[in-house]
């Protein structure tokens, strides 16, 4: 399991709360799938700017379906090639 959005948090970077780097959510999720993770955890919100929690690292809801489709395709490909751990 890869906790994508919490991996991108930057504690204290937004003054009194955590900031983050949401622009890397999709890249990190795809990279995890390519390395063979069996699942991804994502914070998702229809409007991250107004989310009460973790909005700085939340994926917009309208991006979730396409991301999960892509992650599933990458994971299936990776399963046939072996994981990153096996290639060391």
N, C-alpha and C. Protein backbone atom coordinates (compact mmCIF):
# COMPACT_ATOMS: atom_id res chain seq x y z
N UNK A 1 0.85 -1.18 0.00
CA UNK A 1 0.00 0.00 0.00
C UNK A 1 0.89 1.24 0.00
N UNK A 2 0.55 2.18 -0.84
CA UNK A 2 1.28 3.45 -0.93
C UNK A 2 0.32 4.58 -0.54
N UNK A 3 0.67 5.32 0.48
CA UNK A 3 -0.11 6.47 0.92
C UNK A 3 0.40 7.68 0.14
N UNK A 4 -0.16 7.87 -1.03
CA UNK A 4 0.33 8.88 -1.97
C UNK A 4 0.23 10.29 -1.42
N UNK A 5 -0.96 10.71 -1.03
CA UNK A 5 -1.14 12.11 -0.67
C UNK A 5 -0.42 12.48 0.62
N UNK A 6 -0.38 11.59 1.60
CA UNK A 6 0.36 11.91 2.82
C UNK A 6 1.87 11.90 2.58
N UNK A 7 2.31 11.16 1.59
CA UNK A 7 3.73 11.16 1.24
C UNK A 7 4.16 12.51 0.69
N UNK A 8 3.21 13.28 0.21
CA UNK A 8 3.50 14.58 -0.39
C UNK A 8 3.25 15.75 0.54
N UNK A 9 2.90 15.47 1.80
CA UNK A 9 2.69 16.55 2.77
C UNK A 9 4.01 17.18 3.14
N UNK A 10 3.95 18.47 3.42
CA UNK A 10 5.09 19.22 3.91
C UNK A 10 4.67 19.84 5.24
N UNK A 11 4.88 19.13 6.36
CA UNK A 11 4.43 19.61 7.67
C UNK A 11 4.93 21.02 7.98
N UNK A 12 4.01 21.87 8.38
CA UNK A 12 4.34 23.22 8.79
C UNK A 12 4.62 24.19 7.66
N UNK A 13 4.55 23.76 6.42
CA UNK A 13 4.92 24.64 5.31
C UNK A 13 3.86 25.70 5.00
N UNK A 14 2.67 25.53 5.53
CA UNK A 14 1.60 26.49 5.29
C UNK A 14 1.31 27.31 6.55
N UNK A 15 2.37 27.69 7.24
CA UNK A 15 2.20 28.43 8.48
C UNK A 15 1.90 27.49 9.62
N UNK A 16 0.67 27.51 10.11
CA UNK A 16 0.29 26.66 11.24
C UNK A 16 -0.22 25.29 10.84
N UNK A 17 -0.20 24.98 9.56
CA UNK A 17 -0.69 23.68 9.11
C UNK A 17 0.22 23.11 8.03
N UNK A 18 -0.07 21.90 7.63
CA UNK A 18 0.73 21.25 6.60
C UNK A 18 0.36 21.76 5.21
N UNK A 19 1.36 21.90 4.40
CA UNK A 19 1.15 22.19 2.99
C UNK A 19 1.41 20.91 2.22
N UNK A 20 1.65 21.03 0.96
CA UNK A 20 1.93 19.84 0.20
C UNK A 20 2.27 20.13 -1.24
N UNK A 21 2.48 19.06 -1.99
CA UNK A 21 2.83 19.15 -3.40
C UNK A 21 1.86 18.29 -4.23
N UNK A 22 0.61 18.75 -4.35
CA UNK A 22 -0.39 17.95 -5.04
C UNK A 22 -0.09 17.72 -6.52
N UNK A 23 0.77 18.52 -7.09
CA UNK A 23 1.11 18.35 -8.50
C UNK A 23 1.81 17.02 -8.78
N UNK A 24 2.28 16.35 -7.71
CA UNK A 24 2.97 15.08 -7.87
C UNK A 24 2.11 13.85 -7.53
N UNK A 25 0.83 14.06 -7.20
CA UNK A 25 -0.04 12.95 -6.80
C UNK A 25 -0.10 11.89 -7.89
N UNK A 26 -0.43 12.30 -9.09
CA UNK A 26 -0.61 11.33 -10.16
C UNK A 26 0.70 10.65 -10.54
N UNK A 27 1.79 11.38 -10.54
CA UNK A 27 3.10 10.81 -10.85
C UNK A 27 3.50 9.77 -9.82
N UNK A 28 3.32 10.09 -8.54
CA UNK A 28 3.71 9.16 -7.48
C UNK A 28 2.83 7.91 -7.49
N UNK A 29 1.55 8.07 -7.73
CA UNK A 29 0.65 6.91 -7.79
C UNK A 29 1.05 5.99 -8.94
N UNK A 30 1.36 6.57 -10.08
CA UNK A 30 1.78 5.75 -11.23
C UNK A 30 3.12 5.06 -10.96
N UNK A 31 4.04 5.78 -10.34
CA UNK A 31 5.34 5.18 -10.01
C UNK A 31 5.17 4.00 -9.06
N UNK A 32 4.32 4.16 -8.07
CA UNK A 32 4.06 3.06 -7.14
C UNK A 32 3.49 1.85 -7.85
N UNK A 33 2.57 2.09 -8.77
CA UNK A 33 1.98 0.98 -9.53
C UNK A 33 3.04 0.27 -10.36
N UNK A 34 3.95 1.04 -10.93
CA UNK A 34 5.02 0.46 -11.72
C UNK A 34 5.99 -0.36 -10.89
N UNK A 35 6.07 -0.04 -9.60
CA UNK A 35 6.95 -0.79 -8.69
C UNK A 35 6.22 -1.92 -7.99
N UNK A 36 4.95 -2.11 -8.31
CA UNK A 36 4.25 -3.28 -7.81
C UNK A 36 3.43 -3.11 -6.55
N UNK A 37 3.12 -1.87 -6.13
CA UNK A 37 2.27 -1.73 -4.95
C UNK A 37 0.89 -2.31 -5.25
N UNK A 38 0.26 -2.85 -4.24
CA UNK A 38 -1.04 -3.48 -4.42
C UNK A 38 -2.21 -2.54 -4.18
N UNK A 39 -1.94 -1.34 -3.74
CA UNK A 39 -3.01 -0.38 -3.51
C UNK A 39 -2.46 1.00 -3.27
N UNK A 40 -3.29 2.01 -3.51
CA UNK A 40 -2.91 3.40 -3.23
C UNK A 40 -3.97 4.03 -2.34
N UNK A 41 -3.51 4.87 -1.44
CA UNK A 41 -4.40 5.64 -0.57
C UNK A 41 -4.30 7.08 -1.06
N UNK A 42 -5.45 7.70 -1.28
CA UNK A 42 -5.49 9.08 -1.78
C UNK A 42 -6.53 9.89 -1.03
N UNK A 43 -6.18 11.11 -0.68
CA UNK A 43 -7.18 12.08 -0.20
C UNK A 43 -7.81 12.67 -1.45
N UNK A 44 -9.13 12.70 -1.51
CA UNK A 44 -9.84 13.19 -2.69
C UNK A 44 -10.93 14.15 -2.24
N UNK A 45 -11.12 15.22 -2.99
CA UNK A 45 -12.14 16.21 -2.66
C UNK A 45 -12.61 16.86 -3.95
N UNK A 46 -13.88 17.22 -4.02
CA UNK A 46 -14.38 17.89 -5.22
C UNK A 46 -13.82 19.30 -5.37
N UNK A 47 -13.39 19.91 -4.27
CA UNK A 47 -12.77 21.24 -4.32
C UNK A 47 -11.71 21.30 -3.21
N UNK A 48 -10.50 20.80 -3.47
CA UNK A 48 -9.47 20.74 -2.43
C UNK A 48 -9.18 22.07 -1.73
N UNK A 49 -9.39 23.18 -2.41
CA UNK A 49 -9.11 24.48 -1.82
C UNK A 49 -10.00 24.77 -0.61
N UNK A 50 -11.16 24.14 -0.51
CA UNK A 50 -12.05 24.38 0.61
C UNK A 50 -12.18 23.16 1.53
N UNK A 51 -11.38 22.13 1.29
CA UNK A 51 -11.43 20.92 2.13
C UNK A 51 -11.06 21.27 3.57
N UNK A 52 -11.75 20.67 4.51
CA UNK A 52 -11.49 20.94 5.92
C UNK A 52 -10.23 20.24 6.42
N UNK A 53 -9.79 19.21 5.71
CA UNK A 53 -8.60 18.46 6.11
C UNK A 53 -7.85 17.99 4.87
N UNK A 54 -6.54 18.11 4.89
CA UNK A 54 -5.65 17.60 3.85
C UNK A 54 -5.93 18.16 2.46
N UNK A 55 -6.52 19.31 2.37
CA UNK A 55 -6.79 19.91 1.06
C UNK A 55 -5.54 20.22 0.27
N UNK A 56 -4.44 20.49 0.96
CA UNK A 56 -3.20 20.83 0.25
C UNK A 56 -2.58 19.65 -0.47
N UNK A 57 -3.04 18.45 -0.15
CA UNK A 57 -2.53 17.27 -0.84
C UNK A 57 -3.67 16.39 -1.35
N UNK A 58 -4.81 16.98 -1.59
CA UNK A 58 -5.96 16.21 -2.09
C UNK A 58 -6.02 16.27 -3.61
N UNK A 59 -6.42 15.16 -4.18
CA UNK A 59 -6.65 15.08 -5.62
C UNK A 59 -8.07 15.56 -5.91
N UNK A 60 -8.23 16.34 -6.98
CA UNK A 60 -9.58 16.74 -7.37
C UNK A 60 -10.38 15.51 -7.78
N UNK A 61 -11.61 15.42 -7.33
CA UNK A 61 -12.47 14.27 -7.56
C UNK A 61 -12.60 13.91 -9.04
N UNK A 62 -12.67 14.91 -9.89
CA UNK A 62 -12.82 14.63 -11.32
C UNK A 62 -11.59 13.98 -11.95
N UNK A 63 -10.46 13.95 -11.24
CA UNK A 63 -9.23 13.32 -11.73
C UNK A 63 -9.08 11.89 -11.24
N UNK A 64 -9.93 11.48 -10.28
CA UNK A 64 -9.78 10.16 -9.66
C UNK A 64 -10.00 9.01 -10.65
N UNK A 65 -11.09 9.00 -11.39
CA UNK A 65 -11.38 7.90 -12.31
C UNK A 65 -10.26 7.67 -13.32
N UNK A 66 -9.85 8.72 -14.05
CA UNK A 66 -8.76 8.54 -15.00
C UNK A 66 -7.46 8.08 -14.35
N UNK A 67 -7.17 8.58 -13.16
CA UNK A 67 -5.95 8.16 -12.48
C UNK A 67 -6.01 6.68 -12.12
N UNK A 68 -7.12 6.24 -11.54
CA UNK A 68 -7.23 4.83 -11.16
C UNK A 68 -7.19 3.91 -12.37
N UNK A 69 -7.78 4.33 -13.47
CA UNK A 69 -7.70 3.53 -14.70
C UNK A 69 -6.25 3.38 -15.14
N UNK A 70 -5.51 4.48 -15.13
CA UNK A 70 -4.10 4.44 -15.53
C UNK A 70 -3.26 3.63 -14.57
N UNK A 71 -3.49 3.79 -13.28
CA UNK A 71 -2.74 3.03 -12.27
C UNK A 71 -2.99 1.53 -12.44
N UNK A 72 -4.23 1.16 -12.69
CA UNK A 72 -4.55 -0.26 -12.88
C UNK A 72 -3.85 -0.83 -14.11
N UNK A 73 -3.80 -0.06 -15.20
CA UNK A 73 -3.12 -0.53 -16.41
C UNK A 73 -1.63 -0.70 -16.16
N UNK A 74 -1.02 0.27 -15.49
CA UNK A 74 0.41 0.19 -15.18
C UNK A 74 0.69 -1.00 -14.27
N UNK A 75 -0.17 -1.21 -13.29
CA UNK A 75 0.03 -2.33 -12.36
C UNK A 75 -0.03 -3.67 -13.08
N UNK A 76 -0.97 -3.80 -14.01
CA UNK A 76 -1.06 -5.04 -14.78
C UNK A 76 0.20 -5.26 -15.61
N UNK A 77 0.71 -4.20 -16.22
CA UNK A 77 1.96 -4.31 -16.98
C UNK A 77 3.12 -4.68 -16.07
N UNK A 78 3.20 -4.03 -14.93
CA UNK A 78 4.29 -4.30 -13.98
C UNK A 78 4.25 -5.73 -13.48
N UNK A 79 3.06 -6.27 -13.30
CA UNK A 79 2.93 -7.64 -12.82
C UNK A 79 3.58 -8.62 -13.79
N UNK A 80 3.53 -8.31 -15.06
CA UNK A 80 4.14 -9.17 -16.06
C UNK A 80 5.64 -9.00 -16.18
N UNK A 81 6.15 -7.89 -15.68
CA UNK A 81 7.58 -7.60 -15.81
C UNK A 81 8.37 -7.87 -14.53
N UNK A 82 7.70 -8.01 -13.40
CA UNK A 82 8.38 -8.11 -12.11
C UNK A 82 8.43 -6.74 -11.47
N UNK A 83 8.54 -6.69 -10.18
CA UNK A 83 8.53 -5.41 -9.46
C UNK A 83 9.91 -4.78 -9.41
N UNK A 84 9.98 -3.53 -9.00
CA UNK A 84 11.25 -2.82 -8.83
C UNK A 84 12.13 -3.54 -7.82
N UNK A 85 11.53 -4.12 -6.82
CA UNK A 85 12.30 -4.82 -5.79
C UNK A 85 13.04 -6.02 -6.36
N UNK A 86 12.44 -6.66 -7.36
CA UNK A 86 13.06 -7.84 -7.95
C UNK A 86 14.20 -7.50 -8.90
N UNK A 87 14.27 -6.24 -9.37
CA UNK A 87 15.27 -5.89 -10.36
C UNK A 87 16.58 -5.39 -9.77
N UNK A 88 16.70 -5.39 -8.47
CA UNK A 88 17.94 -4.92 -7.84
C UNK A 88 19.06 -5.88 -8.05
